[in-house]
Amino acid sequence: MKKVLPFVLFWIVNSLFLYLASVVYPFKFVLGNFRFSMLSATIWAGLWITVLGWLAIWLIGKLKIKLSGVAQMFISYWIVNAAAVWITARLATITGFGIFSFWWAIGLGLILNIVQSAVWKLGKFEM
């Protein structure tokens, strides 16, 4: 149960910020396609980003890569989030989420990283 709550919170936050990104920058982030409505694409793409992020963190742990220091952790999670956004967008027919370019994935990855850090600190979760 300790892992479920942060996962669900990250899923909600990721979905919310995907939606906000598509509203603020509608020509850079697209939610919905022939398969998914905007709402279902928001939820589904948020889940994909969350799952890919958690899989990457799990892999980092399995490979025993030590992330020491706040800056190293921040940059590592930023890369993970940006990659998760980009991969999810590349699978647009499956996820319902599209993105204009990789640079926008880096920017959204940074925003997701900041918000996820805040959720993690406010929730006082442990790895």
C-alpha atoms as a PDB file:
ATOM      1  CA  MET A   1       0.000   0.000   0.000  1.00  0.00           C
ATOM      2  CA  LYS A   2       2.949   2.319   0.603  1.00  0.00           C
ATOM      3  CA  LYS A   3       3.806   2.293  -3.113  1.00  0.00           C
ATOM      4  CA  VAL A   4       0.226   2.573  -4.377  1.00  0.00           C
ATOM      5  CA  LEU A   5      -0.566   6.034  -2.993  1.00  0.00           C
ATOM      6  CA  PRO A   6       2.465   7.815  -4.502  1.00  0.00           C
ATOM      7  CA  PHE A   7       1.879   6.008  -7.817  1.00  0.00           C
ATOM      8  CA  VAL A   8      -1.755   7.133  -7.950  1.00  0.00           C
ATOM      9  CA  LEU A   9      -0.837  10.687  -6.926  1.00  0.00           C
ATOM     10  CA  PHE A  10       1.852  10.841  -9.627  1.00  0.00           C
ATOM     11  CA  TRP A  11      -0.670   9.511 -12.156  1.00  0.00           C
ATOM     12  CA  ILE A  12      -3.166  12.228 -11.195  1.00  0.00           C
ATOM     13  CA  VAL A  13      -0.501  14.961 -11.279  1.00  0.00           C
ATOM     14  CA  ASN A  14       0.910  13.756 -14.603  1.00  0.00           C
ATOM     15  CA  SER A  15      -2.562  13.623 -16.145  1.00  0.00           C
ATOM     16  CA  LEU A  16      -3.469  17.069 -14.808  1.00  0.00           C
ATOM     17  CA  PHE A  17      -0.312  18.687 -16.163  1.00  0.00           C
ATOM     18  CA  LEU A  18      -0.700  16.939 -19.526  1.00  0.00           C
ATOM     19  CA  TYR A  19      -4.158  18.461 -19.733  1.00  0.00           C
ATOM     20  CA  LEU A  20      -2.904  21.911 -18.698  1.00  0.00           C
ATOM     21  CA  ALA A  21      -0.071  21.712 -21.249  1.00  0.00           C
ATOM     22  CA  SER A  22      -2.537  20.892 -24.028  1.00  0.00           C
ATOM     23  CA  VAL A  23      -4.814  23.769 -22.985  1.00  0.00           C
ATOM     24  CA  VAL A  24      -2.027  26.353 -22.679  1.00  0.00           C
ATOM     25  CA  TYR A  25      -0.094  25.141 -25.770  1.00  0.00           C
ATOM     26  CA  PRO A  26      -2.715  23.450 -27.977  1.00  0.00           C
ATOM     27  CA  PHE A  27      -0.444  23.362 -31.051  1.00  0.00           C
ATOM     28  CA  LYS A  28       2.444  21.784 -29.130  1.00  0.00           C
ATOM     29  CA  PHE A  29       0.611  19.144 -27.043  1.00  0.00           C
ATOM     30  CA  VAL A  30      -2.337  17.202 -28.429  1.00  0.00           C
ATOM     31  CA  LEU A  31      -4.630  14.953 -26.415  1.00  0.00           C
ATOM     32  CA  GLY A  32      -7.066  12.725 -28.241  1.00  0.00           C
ATOM     33  CA  ASN A  33      -7.157  10.986 -31.596  1.00  0.00           C
ATOM     34  CA  PHE A  34      -9.436   8.669 -33.565  1.00  0.00           C
ATOM     35  CA  ARG A  35      -9.347   6.180 -30.681  1.00  0.00           C
ATOM     36  CA  PHE A  36      -9.407   8.374 -27.577  1.00  0.00           C
ATOM     37  CA  SER A  37     -11.372  11.402 -26.464  1.00  0.00           C
ATOM     38  CA  MET A  38      -9.431  14.215 -24.830  1.00  0.00           C
ATOM     39  CA  LEU A  39     -10.395  13.022 -21.347  1.00  0.00           C
ATOM     40  CA  SER A  40      -9.534   9.369 -21.926  1.00  0.00           C
ATOM     41  CA  ALA A  41      -6.263  10.327 -23.649  1.00  0.00           C
ATOM     42  CA  THR A  42      -5.376  12.517 -20.668  1.00  0.00           C
ATOM     43  CA  ILE A  43      -5.919   9.660 -18.222  1.00  0.00           C
ATOM     44  CA  TRP A  44      -4.317   6.998 -20.438  1.00  0.00           C
ATOM     45  CA  ALA A  45      -1.235   9.061 -21.389  1.00  0.00           C
ATOM     46  CA  GLY A  46      -0.799  10.093 -17.737  1.00  0.00           C
ATOM     47  CA  LEU A  47      -0.792   6.417 -16.793  1.00  0.00           C
ATOM     48  CA  TRP A  48       1.806   5.600 -19.468  1.00  0.00           C
ATOM     49  CA  ILE A  49       4.106   8.396 -18.307  1.00  0.00           C
ATOM     50  CA  THR A  50       3.744   7.278 -14.694  1.00  0.00           C
ATOM     51  CA  VAL A  51       4.389   3.612 -15.490  1.00  0.00           C
ATOM     52  CA  LEU A  52       7.420   4.397 -17.662  1.00  0.00           C
ATOM     53  CA  GLY A  53       8.824   6.682 -14.957  1.00  0.00           C
ATOM     54  CA  TRP A  54       8.377   4.081 -12.243  1.00  0.00           C
ATOM     55  CA  LEU A  55       9.895   1.369 -14.445  1.00  0.00           C
ATOM     56  CA  ALA A  56      12.944   3.555 -15.050  1.00  0.00           C
ATOM     57  CA  ILE A  57      13.346   4.211 -11.315  1.00  0.00           C
ATOM     58  CA  TRP A  58      12.969   0.482 -10.633  1.00  0.00           C
ATOM     59  CA  LEU A  59      15.653  -0.248 -13.256  1.00  0.00           C
ATOM     60  CA  ILE A  60      18.000   2.318 -11.706  1.00  0.00           C
ATOM     61  CA  GLY A  61      17.558   0.538  -8.370  1.00  0.00           C
ATOM     62  CA  LYS A  62      18.115  -2.919  -9.897  1.00  0.00           C
ATOM     63  CA  LEU A  63      21.302  -1.734 -11.588  1.00  0.00           C
ATOM     64  CA  LYS A  64      22.406  -0.365  -8.190  1.00  0.00           C
ATOM     65  CA  ILE A  65      23.067   3.084  -9.577  1.00  0.00           C
ATOM     66  CA  LYS A  66      23.514   5.425  -6.637  1.00  0.00           C
ATOM     67  CA  LEU A  67      21.993   8.856  -7.012  1.00  0.00           C
ATOM     68  CA  SER A  68      23.723  10.948  -4.394  1.00  0.00           C
ATOM     69  CA  GLY A  69      22.884  14.559  -3.876  1.00  0.00           C
ATOM     70  CA  VAL A  70      19.829  16.589  -4.686  1.00  0.00           C
ATOM     71  CA  ALA A  71      21.178  17.924  -8.002  1.00  0.00           C
ATOM     72  CA  GLN A  72      22.063  14.467  -9.334  1.00  0.00           C
ATOM     73  CA  MET A  73      18.662  13.089  -8.350  1.00  0.00           C
ATOM     74  CA  PHE A  74      16.863  16.102  -9.839  1.00  0.00           C
ATOM     75  CA  ILE A  75      18.648  15.818 -13.191  1.00  0.00           C
ATOM     76  CA  SER A  76      18.197  12.033 -13.302  1.00  0.00           C
ATOM     77  CA  TYR A  77      14.459  12.244 -12.641  1.00  0.00           C
ATOM     78  CA  TRP A  78      14.175  15.086 -15.141  1.00  0.00           C
ATOM     79  CA  ILE A  79      15.736  12.867 -17.816  1.00  0.00           C
ATOM     80  CA  VAL A  80      13.414  10.012 -16.832  1.00  0.00           C
ATOM     81  CA  ASN A  81      10.319  12.244 -17.028  1.00  0.00           C
ATOM     82  CA  ALA A  82      11.347  13.800 -20.348  1.00  0.00           C
ATOM     83  CA  ALA A  83      12.015  10.346 -21.818  1.00  0.00           C
ATOM     84  CA  ALA A  84       8.675   9.055 -20.504  1.00  0.00           C
ATOM     85  CA  VAL A  85       6.848  12.011 -22.083  1.00  0.00           C
ATOM     86  CA  TRP A  86       8.684  11.517 -25.385  1.00  0.00           C
ATOM     87  CA  ILE A  87       8.086   7.758 -25.524  1.00  0.00           C
ATOM     88  CA  THR A  88       4.415   8.217 -24.663  1.00  0.00           C
ATOM     89  CA  ALA A  89       4.071  10.808 -27.413  1.00  0.00           C
ATOM     90  CA  ARG A  90       5.854   8.572 -29.930  1.00  0.00           C
ATOM     91  CA  LEU A  91       3.192   5.935 -29.240  1.00  0.00           C
ATOM     92  CA  ALA A  92       0.392   8.385 -30.048  1.00  0.00           C
ATOM     93  CA  THR A  93      -1.886   5.816 -31.686  1.00  0.00           C
ATOM     94  CA  ILE A  94      -1.777   3.773 -28.475  1.00  0.00           C
ATOM     95  CA  THR A  95      -1.741   6.602 -25.919  1.00  0.00           C
ATOM     96  CA  GLY A  96      -3.734   9.365 -27.597  1.00  0.00           C
ATOM     97  CA  PHE A  97      -1.008  11.915 -26.795  1.00  0.00           C
ATOM     98  CA  GLY A  98       1.071  13.809 -29.338  1.00  0.00           C
ATOM     99  CA  ILE A  99       3.819  16.372 -28.988  1.00  0.00           C
ATOM    100  CA  PHE A 100       5.391  18.885 -31.375  1.00  0.00           C
ATOM    101  CA  SER A 101       9.071  18.155 -30.687  1.00  0.00           C
ATOM    102  CA  PHE A 102      11.500  16.622 -28.239  1.00  0.00           C
ATOM    103  CA  TRP A 103      12.268  20.057 -26.781  1.00  0.00           C
ATOM    104  CA  TRP A 104       8.707  20.347 -25.544  1.00  0.00           C
ATOM    105  CA  ALA A 105       9.093  16.914 -23.908  1.00  0.00           C
ATOM    106  CA  ILE A 106      12.152  18.211 -22.059  1.00  0.00           C
ATOM    107  CA  GLY A 107      10.188  21.242 -20.843  1.00  0.00           C
ATOM    108  CA  LEU A 108       7.177  19.204 -19.747  1.00  0.00           C
ATOM    109  CA  GLY A 109       9.546  16.684 -18.127  1.00  0.00           C
ATOM    110  CA  LEU A 110      11.016  19.517 -16.062  1.00  0.00           C
ATOM    111  CA  ILE A 111       7.581  20.701 -14.940  1.00  0.00           C
ATOM    112  CA  LEU A 112       6.508  17.139 -14.070  1.00  0.00           C
ATOM    113  CA  ASN A 113       9.750  16.656 -12.158  1.00  0.00           C
ATOM    114  CA  ILE A 114       9.174  19.777 -10.056  1.00  0.00           C
ATOM    115  CA  VAL A 115       5.553  18.879  -9.297  1.00  0.00           C
ATOM    116  CA  GLN A 116       6.403  15.243  -8.513  1.00  0.00           C
ATOM    117  CA  SER A 117       9.157  16.409  -6.154  1.00  0.00           C
ATOM    118  CA  ALA A 118       6.631  18.578  -4.339  1.00  0.00           C
ATOM    119  CA  VAL A 119       4.152  15.683  -4.091  1.00  0.00           C
ATOM    120  CA  TRP A 120       6.903  13.400  -2.787  1.00  0.00           C
ATOM    121  CA  LYS A 121       8.019  15.903  -0.143  1.00  0.00           C
ATOM    122  CA  LEU A 122       4.509  16.840   0.954  1.00  0.00           C
ATOM    123  CA  GLY A 123       3.515  13.167   1.204  1.00  0.00           C
ATOM    124  CA  LYS A 124       6.720  12.293   3.098  1.00  0.00           C
ATOM    125  CA  PHE A 125       6.992   9.054   1.101  1.00  0.00           C
ATOM    126  CA  GLU A 126       9.928   6.654   1.271  1.00  0.00           C
ATOM    127  CA  MET A 127      11.554   4.596  -1.447  1.00  0.00           C
END
